[in-house]
Amino acid sequence: MRLLSKVSEPPSSESSHGMKRPCNASTQDLNDENEASDMKSANRIRYHARGAKAEDDKANRALEYAKNMNQMAERSIKAARALLEGDTLPGREPQRRPMMG
């Protein structure tokens, strides 16, 4: 007859059969500390995510502003070219350049 040596249980809170083992006080304290640490980490992540979202919104507003300014600049350039070339501008009469010499 053979004797089998006793196999030690894994150090986790679950046994090898998937059943929860009862926690002793120190294990429960560690679980509470881990849970508190996880909550702090989650709160920190949420805090930084809110900050990143605010920066993203700010950047999007700045981009829209820059696009609008670019469109205004393009219109001003077109108007200036039209004036230099003597073309008509919307709402204005055609302009003639005086003849030189």
PDB file of N, CA and C in Angstrom:
ATOM      1  N   MET A   1       0.837  -1.171   0.000  1.00  0.00           N
ATOM      2  CA  MET A   1       0.000   0.000   0.000  1.00  0.00           C
ATOM      3  C   MET A   1       0.886   1.239   0.000  1.00  0.00           C
ATOM      4  N   ARG A   2       0.513   2.228  -0.882  1.00  0.00           N
ATOM      5  CA  ARG A   2       1.289   3.458  -1.001  1.00  0.00           C
ATOM      6  C   ARG A   2       0.618   4.587  -0.255  1.00  0.00           C
ATOM      7  N   LEU A   3       1.419   5.407   0.380  1.00  0.00           N
ATOM      8  CA  LEU A   3       0.886   6.592   1.060  1.00  0.00           C
ATOM      9  C   LEU A   3       1.104   7.802   0.156  1.00  0.00           C
ATOM     10  N   LEU A   4       0.088   8.630   0.056  1.00  0.00           N
ATOM     11  CA  LEU A   4       0.204   9.853  -0.741  1.00  0.00           C
ATOM     12  C   LEU A   4       0.511  11.014   0.182  1.00  0.00           C
ATOM     13  N   SER A   5       1.434  11.846  -0.257  1.00  0.00           N
ATOM     14  CA  SER A   5       1.725  13.021   0.569  1.00  0.00           C
ATOM     15  C   SER A   5       0.639  14.069   0.324  1.00  0.00           C
ATOM     16  N   LYS A   6       0.385  14.854   1.344  1.00  0.00           N
ATOM     17  CA  LYS A   6      -0.660  15.872   1.246  1.00  0.00           C
ATOM     18  C   LYS A   6      -0.155  17.024   0.369  1.00  0.00           C
ATOM     19  N   VAL A   7      -0.986  17.449  -0.567  1.00  0.00           N
ATOM     20  CA  VAL A   7      -0.640  18.556  -1.455  1.00  0.00           C
ATOM     21  C   VAL A   7      -1.086  19.845  -0.786  1.00  0.00           C
ATOM     22  N   SER A   8      -0.191  20.819  -0.757  1.00  0.00           N
ATOM     23  CA  SER A   8      -0.555  22.087  -0.117  1.00  0.00           C
ATOM     24  C   SER A   8      -1.484  22.870  -1.037  1.00  0.00           C
ATOM     25  N   GLU A   9      -2.345  23.663  -0.420  1.00  0.00           N
ATOM     26  CA  GLU A   9      -3.319  24.457  -1.175  1.00  0.00           C
ATOM     27  C   GLU A   9      -2.629  25.672  -1.784  1.00  0.00           C
ATOM     28  N   PRO A  10      -3.130  26.150  -2.906  1.00  0.00           N
ATOM     29  CA  PRO A  10      -2.539  27.355  -3.499  1.00  0.00           C
ATOM     30  C   PRO A  10      -2.727  28.553  -2.574  1.00  0.00           C
ATOM     31  N   PRO A  11      -1.849  29.536  -2.656  1.00  0.00           N
ATOM     32  CA  PRO A  11      -1.912  30.667  -1.730  1.00  0.00           C
ATOM     33  C   PRO A  11      -3.072  31.625  -2.005  1.00  0.00           C
ATOM     34  N   SER A  12      -3.786  31.459  -3.104  1.00  0.00           N
ATOM     35  CA  SER A  12      -4.891  32.367  -3.406  1.00  0.00           C
ATOM     36  C   SER A  12      -6.074  32.075  -2.491  1.00  0.00           C
ATOM     37  N   SER A  13      -7.120  32.897  -2.619  1.00  0.00           N
ATOM     38  CA  SER A  13      -8.289  32.702  -1.764  1.00  0.00           C
ATOM     39  C   SER A  13      -9.181  31.593  -2.300  1.00  0.00           C
ATOM     40  N   GLU A  14      -8.849  31.030  -3.469  1.00  0.00           N
ATOM     41  CA  GLU A  14      -9.628  29.919  -3.997  1.00  0.00           C
ATOM     42  C   GLU A  14      -8.836  28.630  -3.841  1.00  0.00           C
ATOM     43  N   SER A  15      -9.549  27.562  -3.538  1.00  0.00           N
ATOM     44  CA  SER A  15      -8.887  26.265  -3.461  1.00  0.00           C
ATOM     45  C   SER A  15      -8.734  25.728  -4.875  1.00  0.00           C
ATOM     46  N   SER A  16      -8.106  24.576  -5.013  1.00  0.00           N
ATOM     47  CA  SER A  16      -7.887  23.997  -6.334  1.00  0.00           C
ATOM     48  C   SER A  16      -9.201  23.559  -6.975  1.00  0.00           C
ATOM     49  N   HIS A  17     -10.281  23.487  -6.201  1.00  0.00           N
ATOM     50  CA  HIS A  17     -11.579  23.082  -6.738  1.00  0.00           C
ATOM     51  C   HIS A  17     -12.446  24.284  -7.088  1.00  0.00           C
ATOM     52  N   GLY A  18     -11.930  25.479  -6.989  1.00  0.00           N
ATOM     53  CA  GLY A  18     -12.683  26.666  -7.336  1.00  0.00           C
ATOM     54  C   GLY A  18     -13.597  27.170  -6.239  1.00  0.00           C
ATOM     55  N   MET A  19     -13.521  26.593  -5.078  1.00  0.00           N
ATOM     56  CA  MET A  19     -14.370  27.020  -3.963  1.00  0.00           C
ATOM     57  C   MET A  19     -13.608  28.070  -3.163  1.00  0.00           C
ATOM     58  N   LYS A  20     -14.319  29.066  -2.677  1.00  0.00           N
ATOM     59  CA  LYS A  20     -13.686  30.092  -1.848  1.00  0.00           C
ATOM     60  C   LYS A  20     -13.347  29.503  -0.492  1.00  0.00           C
ATOM     61  N   ARG A  21     -12.128  29.781  -0.075  1.00  0.00           N
ATOM     62  CA  ARG A  21     -11.742  29.372   1.269  1.00  0.00           C
ATOM     63  C   ARG A  21     -12.091  30.486   2.219  1.00  0.00           C
ATOM     64  N   PRO A  22     -12.383  30.171   3.441  1.00  0.00           N
ATOM     65  CA  PRO A  22     -12.643  31.241   4.401  1.00  0.00           C
ATOM     66  C   PRO A  22     -11.374  32.063   4.613  1.00  0.00           C
ATOM     67  N   CYS A  23     -11.534  33.364   4.676  1.00  0.00           N
ATOM     68  CA  CYS A  23     -10.387  34.253   4.862  1.00  0.00           C
ATOM     69  C   CYS A  23     -10.133  34.443   6.344  1.00  0.00           C
ATOM     70  N   ASN A  24      -8.884  34.444   6.701  1.00  0.00           N
ATOM     71  CA  ASN A  24      -8.574  34.805   8.073  1.00  0.00           C
ATOM     72  C   ASN A  24      -8.465  36.324   8.130  1.00  0.00           C
ATOM     73  N   ALA A  25      -8.257  36.883   9.283  1.00  0.00           N
ATOM     74  CA  ALA A  25      -8.276  38.336   9.465  1.00  0.00           C
ATOM     75  C   ALA A  25      -7.198  39.019   8.633  1.00  0.00           C
ATOM     76  N   SER A  26      -5.989  38.448   8.595  1.00  0.00           N
ATOM     77  CA  SER A  26      -4.915  39.113   7.854  1.00  0.00           C
ATOM     78  C   SER A  26      -5.185  39.072   6.350  1.00  0.00           C
ATOM     79  N   THR A  27      -5.751  37.971   5.861  1.00  0.00           N
ATOM     80  CA  THR A  27      -6.097  37.894   4.438  1.00  0.00           C
ATOM     81  C   THR A  27      -7.177  38.904   4.104  1.00  0.00           C
ATOM     82  N   GLN A  28      -8.164  39.042   4.972  1.00  0.00           N
ATOM     83  CA  GLN A  28      -9.238  40.012   4.748  1.00  0.00           C
ATOM     84  C   GLN A  28      -8.685  41.435   4.761  1.00  0.00           C
ATOM     85  N   ASP A  29      -7.744  41.715   5.678  1.00  0.00           N
ATOM     86  CA  ASP A  29      -7.121  43.037   5.719  1.00  0.00           C
ATOM     87  C   ASP A  29      -6.381  43.326   4.410  1.00  0.00           C
ATOM     88  N   LEU A  30      -5.664  42.315   3.902  1.00  0.00           N
ATOM     89  CA  LEU A  30      -4.961  42.490   2.629  1.00  0.00           C
ATOM     90  C   LEU A  30      -5.944  42.725   1.493  1.00  0.00           C
ATOM     91  N   ASN A  31      -7.051  41.975   1.498  1.00  0.00           N
ATOM     92  CA  ASN A  31      -8.070  42.167   0.465  1.00  0.00           C
ATOM     93  C   ASN A  31      -8.651  43.572   0.536  1.00  0.00           C
ATOM     94  N   ASP A  32      -8.914  44.058   1.755  1.00  0.00           N
ATOM     95  CA  ASP A  32      -9.444  45.414   1.929  1.00  0.00           C
ATOM     96  C   ASP A  32      -8.435  46.452   1.443  1.00  0.00           C
ATOM     97  N   GLU A  33      -7.152  46.236   1.761  1.00  0.00           N
ATOM     98  CA  GLU A  33      -6.112  47.168   1.306  1.00  0.00           C
ATOM     99  C   GLU A  33      -6.014  47.168  -0.213  1.00  0.00           C
ATOM    100  N   ASN A  34      -6.074  45.972  -0.810  1.00  0.00           N
ATOM    101  CA  ASN A  34      -6.012  45.880  -2.272  1.00  0.00           C
ATOM    102  C   ASN A  34      -7.213  46.567  -2.907  1.00  0.00           C
ATOM    103  N   GLU A  35      -8.379  46.377  -2.315  1.00  0.00           N
ATOM    104  CA  GLU A  35      -9.585  47.007  -2.843  1.00  0.00           C
ATOM    105  C   GLU A  35      -9.484  48.530  -2.734  1.00  0.00           C
ATOM    106  N   ALA A  36      -8.982  49.017  -1.613  1.00  0.00           N
ATOM    107  CA  ALA A  36      -8.807  50.462  -1.439  1.00  0.00           C
ATOM    108  C   ALA A  36      -7.786  50.994  -2.439  1.00  0.00           C
ATOM    109  N   SER A  37      -6.718  50.244  -2.643  1.00  0.00           N
ATOM    110  CA  SER A  37      -5.698  50.648  -3.608  1.00  0.00           C
ATOM    111  C   SER A  37      -6.268  50.658  -5.024  1.00  0.00           C
ATOM    112  N   ASP A  38      -7.085  49.643  -5.342  1.00  0.00           N
ATOM    113  CA  ASP A  38      -7.726  49.592  -6.659  1.00  0.00           C
ATOM    114  C   ASP A  38      -8.663  50.778  -6.861  1.00  0.00           C
ATOM    115  N   MET A  39      -9.394  51.154  -5.814  1.00  0.00           N
ATOM    116  CA  MET A  39     -10.304  52.302  -5.909  1.00  0.00           C
ATOM    117  C   MET A  39      -9.510  53.583  -6.133  1.00  0.00           C
ATOM    118  N   LYS A  40      -8.390  53.735  -5.420  1.00  0.00           N
ATOM    119  CA  LYS A  40      -7.549  54.921  -5.610  1.00  0.00           C
ATOM    120  C   LYS A  40      -7.020  54.968  -7.040  1.00  0.00           C
ATOM    121  N   SER A  41      -6.592  53.818  -7.543  1.00  0.00           N
ATOM    122  CA  SER A  41      -6.083  53.760  -8.915  1.00  0.00           C
ATOM    123  C   SER A  41      -7.182  54.112  -9.911  1.00  0.00           C
ATOM    124  N   ALA A  42      -8.367  53.578  -9.698  1.00  0.00           N
ATOM    125  CA  ALA A  42      -9.490  53.869 -10.595  1.00  0.00           C
ATOM    126  C   ALA A  42      -9.843  55.350 -10.551  1.00  0.00           C
ATOM    127  N   ASN A  43      -9.853  55.922  -9.358  1.00  0.00           N
ATOM    128  CA  ASN A  43     -10.148  57.353  -9.232  1.00  0.00           C
ATOM    129  C   ASN A  43      -9.080  58.195  -9.916  1.00  0.00           C
ATOM    130  N   ARG A  44      -7.824  57.789  -9.779  1.00  0.00           N
ATOM    131  CA  ARG A  44      -6.721  58.509 -10.417  1.00  0.00           C
ATOM    132  C   ARG A  44      -6.858  58.439 -11.938  1.00  0.00           C
ATOM    133  N   ILE A  45      -7.205  57.268 -12.449  1.00  0.00           N
ATOM    134  CA  ILE A  45      -7.387  57.099 -13.894  1.00  0.00           C
ATOM    135  C   ILE A  45      -8.540  57.970 -14.386  1.00  0.00           C
ATOM    136  N   ARG A  46      -9.664  57.967 -13.640  1.00  0.00           N
ATOM    137  CA  ARG A  46     -10.809  58.806 -14.026  1.00  0.00           C
ATOM    138  C   ARG A  46     -10.425  60.284 -14.015  1.00  0.00           C
ATOM    139  N   TYR A  47      -9.668  60.694 -12.999  1.00  0.00           N
ATOM    140  CA  TYR A  47      -9.236  62.088 -12.886  1.00  0.00           C
ATOM    141  C   TYR A  47      -8.407  62.489 -14.107  1.00  0.00           C
ATOM    142  N   HIS A  48      -7.442  61.651 -14.470  1.00  0.00           N
ATOM    143  CA  HIS A  48      -6.590  61.962 -15.612  1.00  0.00           C
ATOM    144  C   HIS A  48      -7.368  61.881 -16.924  1.00  0.00           C
ATOM    145  N   ALA A  49      -8.334  60.974 -16.995  1.00  0.00           N
ATOM    146  CA  ALA A  49      -9.165  60.878 -18.200  1.00  0.00           C
ATOM    147  C   ALA A  49      -9.988  62.150 -18.379  1.00  0.00           C
ATOM    148  N   ARG A  50     -10.533  62.683 -17.269  1.00  0.00           N
ATOM    149  CA  ARG A  50     -11.289  63.944 -17.357  1.00  0.00           C
ATOM    150  C   ARG A  50     -10.378  65.070 -17.829  1.00  0.00           C
ATOM    151  N   GLY A  51      -9.159  65.117 -17.301  1.00  0.00           N
ATOM    152  CA  GLY A  51      -8.203  66.141 -17.719  1.00  0.00           C
ATOM    153  C   GLY A  51      -7.853  66.012 -19.196  1.00  0.00           C
ATOM    154  N   ALA A  52      -7.654  64.780 -19.647  1.00  0.00           N
ATOM    155  CA  ALA A  52      -7.324  64.548 -21.055  1.00  0.00           C
ATOM    156  C   ALA A  52      -8.497  64.940 -21.951  1.00  0.00           C
ATOM    157  N   LYS A  53      -9.708  64.646 -21.506  1.00  0.00           N
ATOM    158  CA  LYS A  53     -10.900  65.024 -22.288  1.00  0.00           C
ATOM    159  C   LYS A  53     -11.011  66.534 -22.374  1.00  0.00           C
ATOM    160  N   ALA A  54     -10.754  67.229 -21.282  1.00  0.00           N
ATOM    161  CA  ALA A  54     -10.810  68.694 -21.287  1.00  0.00           C
ATOM    162  C   ALA A  54      -9.763  69.259 -22.248  1.00  0.00           C
ATOM    163  N   GLU A  55      -8.560  68.687 -22.241  1.00  0.00           N
ATOM    164  CA  GLU A  55      -7.516  69.134 -23.166  1.00  0.00           C
ATOM    165  C   GLU A  55      -7.906  68.853 -24.614  1.00  0.00           C
ATOM    166  N   ASP A  56      -8.542  67.711 -24.850  1.00  0.00           N
ATOM    167  CA  ASP A  56      -9.006  67.357 -26.191  1.00  0.00           C
ATOM    168  C   ASP A  56     -10.056  68.353 -26.671  1.00  0.00           C
ATOM    169  N   ASP A  57     -11.012  68.680 -25.806  1.00  0.00           N
ATOM    170  CA  ASP A  57     -12.048  69.656 -26.157  1.00  0.00           C
ATOM    171  C   ASP A  57     -11.427  71.018 -26.456  1.00  0.00           C
ATOM    172  N   LYS A  58     -10.474  71.410 -25.637  1.00  0.00           N
ATOM    173  CA  LYS A  58      -9.790  72.695 -25.827  1.00  0.00           C
ATOM    174  C   LYS A  58      -9.050  72.710 -27.168  1.00  0.00           C
ATOM    175  N   ALA A  59      -8.373  71.622 -27.494  1.00  0.00           N
ATOM    176  CA  ALA A  59      -7.641  71.529 -28.758  1.00  0.00           C
ATOM    177  C   ALA A  59      -8.602  71.564 -29.947  1.00  0.00           C
ATOM    178  N   ASN A  60      -9.754  70.901 -29.817  1.00  0.00           N
ATOM    179  CA  ASN A  60     -10.739  70.916 -30.900  1.00  0.00           C
ATOM    180  C   ASN A  60     -11.291  72.320 -31.125  1.00  0.00           C
ATOM    181  N   ARG A  61     -11.542  73.060 -30.034  1.00  0.00           N
ATOM    182  CA  ARG A  61     -12.011  74.443 -30.175  1.00  0.00           C
ATOM    183  C   ARG A  61     -10.946  75.302 -30.850  1.00  0.00           C
ATOM    184  N   ALA A  62      -9.690  75.114 -30.461  1.00  0.00           N
ATOM    185  CA  ALA A  62      -8.595  75.874 -31.069  1.00  0.00           C
ATOM    186  C   ALA A  62      -8.466  75.540 -32.557  1.00  0.00           C
ATOM    187  N   LEU A  63      -8.655  74.277 -32.904  1.00  0.00           N
ATOM    188  CA  LEU A  63      -8.587  73.864 -34.307  1.00  0.00           C
ATOM    189  C   LEU A  63      -9.706  74.515 -35.112  1.00  0.00           C
ATOM    190  N   GLU A  64     -10.921  74.513 -34.580  1.00  0.00           N
ATOM    191  CA  GLU A  64     -12.043  75.160 -35.272  1.00  0.00           C
ATOM    192  C   GLU A  64     -11.777  76.649 -35.451  1.00  0.00           C
ATOM    193  N   TYR A  65     -11.250  77.287 -34.429  1.00  0.00           N
ATOM    194  CA  TYR A  65     -10.915  78.709 -34.510  1.00  0.00           C
ATOM    195  C   TYR A  65      -9.874  78.943 -35.606  1.00  0.00           C
ATOM    196  N   ALA A  66      -8.844  78.098 -35.638  1.00  0.00           N
ATOM    197  CA  ALA A  66      -7.791  78.234 -36.645  1.00  0.00           C
ATOM    198  C   ALA A  66      -8.352  78.032 -38.054  1.00  0.00           C
ATOM    199  N   LYS A  67      -9.262  77.070 -38.214  1.00  0.00           N
ATOM    200  CA  LYS A  67      -9.883  76.852 -39.524  1.00  0.00           C
ATOM    201  C   LYS A  67     -10.664  78.087 -39.959  1.00  0.00           C
ATOM    202  N   ASN A  68     -11.426  78.664 -39.031  1.00  0.00           N
ATOM    203  CA  ASN A  68     -12.192  79.871 -39.351  1.00  0.00           C
ATOM    204  C   ASN A  68     -11.266  81.023 -39.723  1.00  0.00           C
ATOM    205  N   MET A  69     -10.185  81.182 -38.971  1.00  0.00           N
ATOM    206  CA  MET A  69      -9.235  82.255 -39.270  1.00  0.00           C
ATOM    207  C   MET A  69      -8.592  82.032 -40.639  1.00  0.00           C
ATOM    208  N   ASN A  70      -8.301  80.792 -40.971  1.00  0.00           N
ATOM    209  CA  ASN A  70      -7.714  80.470 -42.269  1.00  0.00           C
ATOM    210  C   ASN A  70      -8.680  80.824 -43.401  1.00  0.00           C
ATOM    211  N   GLN A  71      -9.962  80.493 -43.219  1.00  0.00           N
ATOM    212  CA  GLN A  71     -10.954  80.835 -44.242  1.00  0.00           C
ATOM    213  C   GLN A  71     -11.056  82.352 -44.419  1.00  0.00           C
ATOM    214  N   MET A  72     -11.047  83.075 -43.305  1.00  0.00           N
ATOM    215  CA  MET A  72     -11.112  84.533 -43.387  1.00  0.00           C
ATOM    216  C   MET A  72      -9.880  85.087 -44.102  1.00  0.00           C
ATOM    217  N   ALA A  73      -8.722  84.538 -43.805  1.00  0.00           N
ATOM    218  CA  ALA A  73      -7.485  84.986 -44.451  1.00  0.00           C
ATOM    219  C   ALA A  73      -7.528  84.702 -45.949  1.00  0.00           C
ATOM    220  N   GLU A  74      -8.028  83.525 -46.329  1.00  0.00           N
ATOM    221  CA  GLU A  74      -8.134  83.194 -47.754  1.00  0.00           C
ATOM    222  C   GLU A  74      -9.065  84.164 -48.471  1.00  0.00           C
ATOM    223  N   ARG A  75     -10.191  84.514 -47.836  1.00  0.00           N
ATOM    224  CA  ARG A  75     -11.113  85.484 -48.440  1.00  0.00           C
ATOM    225  C   ARG A  75     -10.443  86.850 -48.582  1.00  0.00           C
ATOM    226  N   SER A  76      -9.694  87.252 -47.567  1.00  0.00           N
ATOM    227  CA  SER A  76      -8.990  88.542 -47.636  1.00  0.00           C
ATOM    228  C   SER A  76      -7.951  88.544 -48.746  1.00  0.00           C
ATOM    229  N   ILE A  77      -7.244  87.444 -48.916  1.00  0.00           N
ATOM    230  CA  ILE A  77      -6.239  87.336 -49.977  1.00  0.00           C
ATOM    231  C   ILE A  77      -6.909  87.429 -51.341  1.00  0.00           C
ATOM    232  N   LYS A  78      -8.028  86.717 -51.510  1.00  0.00           N
ATOM    233  CA  LYS A  78      -8.755  86.779 -52.785  1.00  0.00           C
ATOM    234  C   LYS A  78      -9.224  88.200 -53.065  1.00  0.00           C
ATOM    235  N   ALA A  79      -9.737  88.884 -52.050  1.00  0.00           N
ATOM    236  CA  ALA A  79     -10.207  90.258 -52.226  1.00  0.00           C
ATOM    237  C   ALA A  79      -9.046  91.178 -52.589  1.00  0.00           C
ATOM    238  N   ALA A  80      -7.907  91.001 -51.936  1.00  0.00           N
ATOM    239  CA  ALA A  80      -6.742  91.837 -52.235  1.00  0.00           C
ATOM    240  C   ALA A  80      -6.245  91.591 -53.650  1.00  0.00           C
ATOM    241  N   ARG A  81      -6.227  90.349 -54.084  1.00  0.00           N
ATOM    242  CA  ARG A  81      -5.805  90.032 -55.455  1.00  0.00           C
ATOM    243  C   ARG A  81      -6.761  90.659 -56.465  1.00  0.00           C
ATOM    244  N   ALA A  82      -8.056  90.563 -56.148  1.00  0.00           N
ATOM    245  CA  ALA A  82      -9.045  91.141 -57.053  1.00  0.00           C
ATOM    246  C   ALA A  82      -8.847  92.646 -57.165  1.00  0.00           C
ATOM    247  N   LEU A  83      -8.558  93.304 -56.059  1.00  0.00           N
ATOM    248  CA  LEU A  83      -8.301  94.748 -56.098  1.00  0.00           C
ATOM    249  C   LEU A  83      -7.061  95.064 -56.923  1.00  0.00           C
ATOM    250  N   LEU A  84      -6.012  94.292 -56.734  1.00  0.00           N
ATOM    251  CA  LEU A  84      -4.773  94.528 -57.472  1.00  0.00           C
ATOM    252  C   LEU A  84      -4.947  94.294 -58.967  1.00  0.00           C
ATOM    253  N   GLU A  85      -5.759  93.321 -59.314  1.00  0.00           N
ATOM    254  CA  GLU A  85      -5.952  92.982 -60.721  1.00  0.00           C
ATOM    255  C   GLU A  85      -7.073  93.800 -61.352  1.00  0.00           C
ATOM    256  N   GLY A  86      -7.778  94.599 -60.559  1.00  0.00           N
ATOM    257  CA  GLY A  86      -8.853  95.421 -61.085  1.00  0.00           C
ATOM    258  C   GLY A  86     -10.120  94.646 -61.364  1.00  0.00           C
ATOM    259  N   ASP A  87     -10.235  93.442 -60.835  1.00  0.00           N
ATOM    260  CA  ASP A  87     -11.447  92.651 -61.022  1.00  0.00           C
ATOM    261  C   ASP A  87     -12.551  93.198 -60.141  1.00  0.00           C
ATOM    262  N   THR A  88     -13.735  92.739 -60.419  1.00  0.00           N
ATOM    263  CA  THR A  88     -14.864  93.179 -59.602  1.00  0.00           C
ATOM    264  C   THR A  88     -14.904  92.378 -58.313  1.00  0.00           C
ATOM    265  N   LEU A  89     -15.322  93.048 -57.287  1.00  0.00           N
ATOM    266  CA  LEU A  89     -15.561  92.387 -56.009  1.00  0.00           C
ATOM    267  C   LEU A  89     -17.064  92.252 -55.849  1.00  0.00           C
ATOM    268  N   PRO A  90     -17.509  91.299 -55.120  1.00  0.00           N
ATOM    269  CA  PRO A  90     -18.950  91.159 -54.929  1.00  0.00           C
ATOM    270  C   PRO A  90     -19.533  92.451 -54.369  1.00  0.00           C
ATOM    271  N   GLY A  91     -20.589  92.959 -55.036  1.00  0.00           N
ATOM    272  CA  GLY A  91     -21.262  94.160 -54.568  1.00  0.00           C
ATOM    273  C   GLY A  91     -20.581  95.450 -54.979  1.00  0.00           C
ATOM    274  N   ARG A  92     -19.591  95.400 -55.845  1.00  0.00           N
ATOM    275  CA  ARG A  92     -18.882  96.611 -56.282  1.00  0.00           C
ATOM    276  C   ARG A  92     -18.901  96.705 -57.804  1.00  0.00           C
ATOM    277  N   GLU A  93     -18.740  97.890 -58.265  1.00  0.00           N
ATOM    278  CA  GLU A  93     -18.637  98.136 -59.710  1.00  0.00           C
ATOM    279  C   GLU A  93     -17.239  97.747 -60.186  1.00  0.00           C
ATOM    280  N   PRO A  94     -17.123  97.378 -61.445  1.00  0.00           N
ATOM    281  CA  PRO A  94     -15.782  97.084 -61.974  1.00  0.00           C
ATOM    282  C   PRO A  94     -14.898  98.321 -61.904  1.00  0.00           C
ATOM    283  N   GLN A  95     -13.654  98.105 -61.588  1.00  0.00           N
ATOM    284  CA  GLN A  95     -12.713  99.219 -61.480  1.00  0.00           C
ATOM    285  C   GLN A  95     -11.777  99.192 -62.681  1.00  0.00           C
ATOM    286  N   ARG A  96     -11.469 100.377 -63.172  1.00  0.00           N
ATOM    287  CA  ARG A  96     -10.527 100.478 -64.290  1.00  0.00           C
ATOM    288  C   ARG A  96      -9.254 101.128 -63.782  1.00  0.00           C
ATOM    289  N   ARG A  97      -8.152 100.588 -64.216  1.00  0.00           N
ATOM    290  CA  ARG A  97      -6.866 101.187 -63.848  1.00  0.00           C
ATOM    291  C   ARG A  97      -6.600 102.379 -64.773  1.00  0.00           C
ATOM    292  N   PRO A  98      -6.075 103.400 -64.189  1.00  0.00           N
ATOM    293  CA  PRO A  98      -5.725 104.536 -65.058  1.00  0.00           C
ATOM    294  C   PRO A  98      -4.583 104.149 -66.000  1.00  0.00           C
ATOM    295  N   MET A  99      -4.653 104.626 -67.199  1.00  0.00           N
ATOM    296  CA  MET A  99      -3.615 104.332 -68.193  1.00  0.00           C
ATOM    297  C   MET A  99      -2.368 105.149 -67.875  1.00  0.00           C
ATOM    298  N   MET A 100      -1.256 104.504 -67.908  1.00  0.00           N
ATOM    299  CA  MET A 100       0.011 105.190 -67.645  1.00  0.00           C
ATOM    300  C   MET A 100       0.586 105.660 -68.975  1.00  0.00           C
ATOM    301  N   GLY A 101       1.055 106.897 -68.969  1.00  0.00           N
ATOM    302  CA  GLY A 101       1.860 107.421 -69.963  1.00  0.00           C
ATOM    303  C   GLY A 101       1.590 107.704 -71.284  1.00  0.00           C
TER     304      GLY A 101
END
